[in-house]
Amino acid sequence: MSVVCRLIATTLALAGVALTASAADADGIDPGLWKIVTESQTGGASMGPPHESAKCLTADETRDLGTTFSPIPRTINSVCAPIERSMNGPRLTWHLVCKGQLDMDLSGDFNFDSPHHYTATVRTKGSMAGIPVVDRQDTLEGQWVSACPQ
């Protein structure tokens, strides 16, 4: 798998982790099974039909929204600056920049508008030797479904 393909796959995995969250308010979010619908665009054009996935979040995962919904840098031949993260009421924003063989700029904006619903936008830009290789925007919507299966 090429470096760019691995990068995109890692970014999507990070987005999936971040976006499988439930909704948040001052009282927190509800653990359980979440349905996440992701629509992706590159260069302003849709990358196909929406993708649906599911994720069970534990009570531990819902206690720390910043950690649960932010990316974890996993780079090869690149160094990442510390992530900039802010939780302000029901909104979580983060920004991560990595430089090296592959330069990456990732940003996320999550709106946890109820204990059972959220929307988010994740932006991924990447370049190698100054040449853009990825410019992607994922729009997500999460909906609580039920308690996690036992």
Foldseek 3Di string as FASTA:
>chain_A
DDPLVVVVVLVVVLQCQQQQFFFQFPVWADFAKKKKWKWKDFPNHTPDHIDIDIDTGDPVLRVDNFVRNGHDDDDDQKAKDPKDWDDDGRKIKIWIWIDGQKTKIKIKIKGRPDNFKIKMKIWIWIDGPPHTDTTMIMIMMMGHDGHYDD
